[in-house]
Amino acid sequence: MTTSQTPARALTVTSARAAAARPLRTFLALDAAVTAVNGLIYLLAAGPVGDLLDLGTGFLRGIGAFLTVYGGLVALLASRPVPSTAATKAVIEANALWAVASVATAVFGWFGPNTVGTVWIPLQAAVVAAFAVLQASGLRRLGN
């Protein structure tokens, strides 16, 4: 084997992994977009959203700031040709934790949302849980 063959083989393996990572990158990018938009809505329209869900504006602004930053970080991960396994697992775990905490919030009535809020919270938890499942599936396709 010559040295000139090694880079070509490495390029082929890298290209194949990047192609296999495409579904994972798509699921991460969708998660990032939905999360960041949701965060911006909570951040910039905390008053009307708070009135709709009967949640405090300070609480919504805090959640909004967190979600906006988190969405940006997930977008950065999605922009990689092959997202880091460890970082992707952290996103999956964070999404699963968010979904479980959201359901617990609705079930136990934490933060005192009204009926609309009590319906909204598990609905958004279902979306977040779906992202976690899709991302885990995409990670498995990579053999990780």
C-alpha atoms as a PDB file:
ATOM      1  CA  MET A   1       0.000   0.000   0.000  1.00  0.00           C
ATOM      2  CA  THR A   2       1.336   3.402  -0.862  1.00  0.00           C
ATOM      3  CA  THR A   3       0.794   6.606   0.999  1.00  0.00           C
ATOM      4  CA  SER A   4      -1.303   8.010  -1.828  1.00  0.00           C
ATOM      5  CA  GLN A   5      -3.918   5.253  -1.313  1.00  0.00           C
ATOM      6  CA  THR A   6      -4.385   5.976   2.386  1.00  0.00           C
ATOM      7  CA  PRO A   7      -5.934   9.445   1.995  1.00  0.00           C
ATOM      8  CA  ALA A   8      -8.291   8.199  -0.741  1.00  0.00           C
ATOM      9  CA  ARG A   9      -9.497   5.325   1.443  1.00  0.00           C
ATOM     10  CA  ALA A  10      -9.862   7.678   4.404  1.00  0.00           C
ATOM     11  CA  LEU A  11     -11.874  10.057   2.239  1.00  0.00           C
ATOM     12  CA  THR A  12     -14.176   7.218   1.135  1.00  0.00           C
ATOM     13  CA  VAL A  13     -14.743   6.068   4.722  1.00  0.00           C
ATOM     14  CA  THR A  14     -15.347   9.660   5.842  1.00  0.00           C
ATOM     15  CA  SER A  15     -17.774  10.252   2.964  1.00  0.00           C
ATOM     16  CA  ALA A  16     -19.649   7.056   3.770  1.00  0.00           C
ATOM     17  CA  ARG A  17     -19.942   8.032   7.461  1.00  0.00           C
ATOM     18  CA  ALA A  18     -21.091  11.525   6.521  1.00  0.00           C
ATOM     19  CA  ALA A  19     -23.785  10.024   4.258  1.00  0.00           C
ATOM     20  CA  ALA A  20     -24.870   7.646   7.043  1.00  0.00           C
ATOM     21  CA  ALA A  21     -25.022  10.609   9.434  1.00  0.00           C
ATOM     22  CA  ARG A  22     -27.437  12.574   7.218  1.00  0.00           C
ATOM     23  CA  PRO A  23     -30.639  11.376   8.992  1.00  0.00           C
ATOM     24  CA  LEU A  24     -29.116  12.106  12.406  1.00  0.00           C
ATOM     25  CA  ARG A  25     -28.064  15.573  11.253  1.00  0.00           C
ATOM     26  CA  THR A  26     -31.594  16.183   9.944  1.00  0.00           C
ATOM     27  CA  PHE A  27     -33.189  15.167  13.260  1.00  0.00           C
ATOM     28  CA  LEU A  28     -30.720  17.333  15.187  1.00  0.00           C
ATOM     29  CA  ALA A  29     -31.339  20.295  12.872  1.00  0.00           C
ATOM     30  CA  LEU A  30     -35.134  19.983  13.204  1.00  0.00           C
ATOM     31  CA  ASP A  31     -34.776  19.754  16.979  1.00  0.00           C
ATOM     32  CA  ALA A  32     -32.549  22.831  16.967  1.00  0.00           C
ATOM     33  CA  ALA A  33     -34.978  24.862  14.862  1.00  0.00           C
ATOM     34  CA  VAL A  34     -38.100  23.919  16.842  1.00  0.00           C
ATOM     35  CA  THR A  35     -36.314  24.458  20.156  1.00  0.00           C
ATOM     36  CA  ALA A  36     -34.807  27.819  19.211  1.00  0.00           C
ATOM     37  CA  VAL A  37     -38.086  29.139  17.767  1.00  0.00           C
ATOM     38  CA  ASN A  38     -39.985  27.969  20.849  1.00  0.00           C
ATOM     39  CA  GLY A  39     -37.354  29.602  23.043  1.00  0.00           C
ATOM     40  CA  LEU A  40     -37.544  32.889  21.136  1.00  0.00           C
ATOM     41  CA  ILE A  41     -41.337  32.907  21.420  1.00  0.00           C
ATOM     42  CA  TYR A  42     -41.115  32.368  25.188  1.00  0.00           C
ATOM     43  CA  LEU A  43     -38.382  34.976  25.463  1.00  0.00           C
ATOM     44  CA  LEU A  44     -39.925  37.689  23.292  1.00  0.00           C
ATOM     45  CA  ALA A  45     -43.652  37.065  23.914  1.00  0.00           C
ATOM     46  CA  ALA A  46     -43.547  35.977  27.557  1.00  0.00           C
ATOM     47  CA  GLY A  47     -46.498  38.240  28.438  1.00  0.00           C
ATOM     48  CA  PRO A  48     -49.052  36.921  25.946  1.00  0.00           C
ATOM     49  CA  VAL A  49     -47.806  33.325  26.238  1.00  0.00           C
ATOM     50  CA  GLY A  50     -47.871  33.606  30.021  1.00  0.00           C
ATOM     51  CA  ASP A  51     -51.459  34.838  29.861  1.00  0.00           C
ATOM     52  CA  LEU A  52     -52.411  31.996  27.502  1.00  0.00           C
ATOM     53  CA  LEU A  53     -50.817  29.259  29.631  1.00  0.00           C
ATOM     54  CA  ASP A  54     -51.183  30.981  33.015  1.00  0.00           C
ATOM     55  CA  LEU A  55     -47.432  30.817  33.640  1.00  0.00           C
ATOM     56  CA  GLY A  56     -45.216  33.572  34.995  1.00  0.00           C
ATOM     57  CA  THR A  57     -43.401  35.795  32.515  1.00  0.00           C
ATOM     58  CA  GLY A  58     -40.121  35.531  34.427  1.00  0.00           C
ATOM     59  CA  PHE A  59     -40.358  31.753  34.315  1.00  0.00           C
ATOM     60  CA  LEU A  60     -41.094  31.802  30.565  1.00  0.00           C
ATOM     61  CA  ARG A  61     -38.250  34.227  29.851  1.00  0.00           C
ATOM     62  CA  GLY A  62     -35.827  31.984  31.736  1.00  0.00           C
ATOM     63  CA  ILE A  63     -37.026  28.907  29.868  1.00  0.00           C
ATOM     64  CA  GLY A  64     -36.925  30.906  26.633  1.00  0.00           C
ATOM     65  CA  ALA A  65     -33.317  31.982  27.156  1.00  0.00           C
ATOM     66  CA  PHE A  66     -32.298  28.422  27.964  1.00  0.00           C
ATOM     67  CA  LEU A  67     -34.114  26.952  24.948  1.00  0.00           C
ATOM     68  CA  THR A  68     -32.675  29.555  22.583  1.00  0.00           C
ATOM     69  CA  VAL A  69     -29.105  28.820  23.671  1.00  0.00           C
ATOM     70  CA  TYR A  70     -29.723  25.062  23.723  1.00  0.00           C
ATOM     71  CA  GLY A  71     -31.211  25.217  20.212  1.00  0.00           C
ATOM     72  CA  GLY A  72     -28.121  27.064  18.996  1.00  0.00           C
ATOM     73  CA  LEU A  73     -25.829  24.427  20.487  1.00  0.00           C
ATOM     74  CA  VAL A  74     -27.843  21.603  18.910  1.00  0.00           C
ATOM     75  CA  ALA A  75     -27.675  23.460  15.568  1.00  0.00           C
ATOM     76  CA  LEU A  76     -23.895  23.634  15.910  1.00  0.00           C
ATOM     77  CA  LEU A  77     -23.811  19.875  16.528  1.00  0.00           C
ATOM     78  CA  ALA A  78     -26.081  19.282  13.512  1.00  0.00           C
ATOM     79  CA  SER A  79     -23.727  21.292  11.304  1.00  0.00           C
ATOM     80  CA  ARG A  80     -20.922  18.740  11.708  1.00  0.00           C
ATOM     81  CA  PRO A  81     -20.505  16.214   8.869  1.00  0.00           C
ATOM     82  CA  VAL A  82     -20.609  13.450  11.505  1.00  0.00           C
ATOM     83  CA  PRO A  83     -21.946  14.703  14.852  1.00  0.00           C
ATOM     84  CA  SER A  84     -20.021  13.688  17.949  1.00  0.00           C
ATOM     85  CA  THR A  85     -21.412  10.535  19.533  1.00  0.00           C
ATOM     86  CA  ALA A  86     -20.949  11.852  23.068  1.00  0.00           C
ATOM     87  CA  ALA A  87     -22.592  15.203  22.292  1.00  0.00           C
ATOM     88  CA  THR A  88     -25.463  13.490  20.482  1.00  0.00           C
ATOM     89  CA  LYS A  89     -26.031  11.167  23.440  1.00  0.00           C
ATOM     90  CA  ALA A  90     -26.095  14.227  25.719  1.00  0.00           C
ATOM     91  CA  VAL A  91     -28.773  15.818  23.503  1.00  0.00           C
ATOM     92  CA  ILE A  92     -30.819  12.605  23.517  1.00  0.00           C
ATOM     93  CA  GLU A  93     -30.578  12.353  27.306  1.00  0.00           C
ATOM     94  CA  ALA A  94     -31.432  16.038  27.769  1.00  0.00           C
ATOM     95  CA  ASN A  95     -34.462  15.636  25.508  1.00  0.00           C
ATOM     96  CA  ALA A  96     -35.626  12.544  27.396  1.00  0.00           C
ATOM     97  CA  LEU A  97     -35.178  14.335  30.719  1.00  0.00           C
ATOM     98  CA  TRP A  98     -37.081  17.385  29.418  1.00  0.00           C
ATOM     99  CA  ALA A  99     -39.962  15.170  28.255  1.00  0.00           C
ATOM    100  CA  VAL A 100     -40.200  13.331  31.583  1.00  0.00           C
ATOM    101  CA  ALA A 101     -39.958  16.565  33.594  1.00  0.00           C
ATOM    102  CA  SER A 102     -42.629  18.173  31.406  1.00  0.00           C
ATOM    103  CA  VAL A 103     -45.052  15.303  31.932  1.00  0.00           C
ATOM    104  CA  ALA A 104     -44.388  15.404  35.683  1.00  0.00           C
ATOM    105  CA  THR A 105     -45.025  19.156  35.628  1.00  0.00           C
ATOM    106  CA  ALA A 106     -48.405  18.637  33.987  1.00  0.00           C
ATOM    107  CA  VAL A 107     -49.386  15.661  36.156  1.00  0.00           C
ATOM    108  CA  PHE A 108     -48.460  17.324  39.433  1.00  0.00           C
ATOM    109  CA  GLY A 109     -49.592  20.815  38.426  1.00  0.00           C
ATOM    110  CA  TRP A 110     -46.219  22.398  39.162  1.00  0.00           C
ATOM    111  CA  PHE A 111     -46.064  26.110  38.287  1.00  0.00           C
ATOM    112  CA  GLY A 112     -49.888  26.226  38.211  1.00  0.00           C
ATOM    113  CA  PRO A 113     -50.715  26.253  34.499  1.00  0.00           C
ATOM    114  CA  ASN A 114     -54.328  26.582  33.426  1.00  0.00           C
ATOM    115  CA  THR A 115     -56.071  23.992  31.226  1.00  0.00           C
ATOM    116  CA  VAL A 116     -54.392  25.258  28.058  1.00  0.00           C
ATOM    117  CA  GLY A 117     -51.013  25.080  29.770  1.00  0.00           C
ATOM    118  CA  THR A 118     -51.746  21.636  31.143  1.00  0.00           C
ATOM    119  CA  VAL A 119     -52.498  20.439  27.597  1.00  0.00           C
ATOM    120  CA  TRP A 120     -49.581  22.324  25.980  1.00  0.00           C
ATOM    121  CA  ILE A 121     -46.915  20.982  28.334  1.00  0.00           C
ATOM    122  CA  PRO A 122     -47.362  17.257  27.480  1.00  0.00           C
ATOM    123  CA  LEU A 123     -47.851  18.066  23.798  1.00  0.00           C
ATOM    124  CA  GLN A 124     -44.458  19.764  23.604  1.00  0.00           C
ATOM    125  CA  ALA A 125     -43.027  16.911  25.720  1.00  0.00           C
ATOM    126  CA  ALA A 126     -44.236  14.450  23.065  1.00  0.00           C
ATOM    127  CA  VAL A 127     -42.419  16.421  20.353  1.00  0.00           C
ATOM    128  CA  VAL A 128     -39.218  16.497  22.417  1.00  0.00           C
ATOM    129  CA  ALA A 129     -39.505  12.765  23.166  1.00  0.00           C
ATOM    130  CA  ALA A 130     -40.003  12.069  19.444  1.00  0.00           C
ATOM    131  CA  PHE A 131     -36.794  13.989  18.683  1.00  0.00           C
ATOM    132  CA  ALA A 132     -34.956  11.873  21.267  1.00  0.00           C
ATOM    133  CA  VAL A 133     -36.226   8.639  19.683  1.00  0.00           C
ATOM    134  CA  LEU A 134     -35.381   9.801  16.151  1.00  0.00           C
ATOM    135  CA  GLN A 135     -31.924  10.973  17.209  1.00  0.00           C
ATOM    136  CA  ALA A 136     -31.234   7.659  18.971  1.00  0.00           C
ATOM    137  CA  SER A 137     -32.294   5.849  15.803  1.00  0.00           C
ATOM    138  CA  GLY A 138     -29.996   8.026  13.704  1.00  0.00           C
ATOM    139  CA  LEU A 139     -27.119   7.375  16.090  1.00  0.00           C
ATOM    140  CA  ARG A 140     -27.715   3.615  15.890  1.00  0.00           C
ATOM    141  CA  ARG A 141     -27.565   3.827  12.081  1.00  0.00           C
ATOM    142  CA  LEU A 142     -24.039   5.143  12.488  1.00  0.00           C
ATOM    143  CA  GLY A 143     -23.171   2.079  14.523  1.00  0.00           C
ATOM    144  CA  ASN A 144     -22.777   4.041  17.765  1.00  0.00           C
END
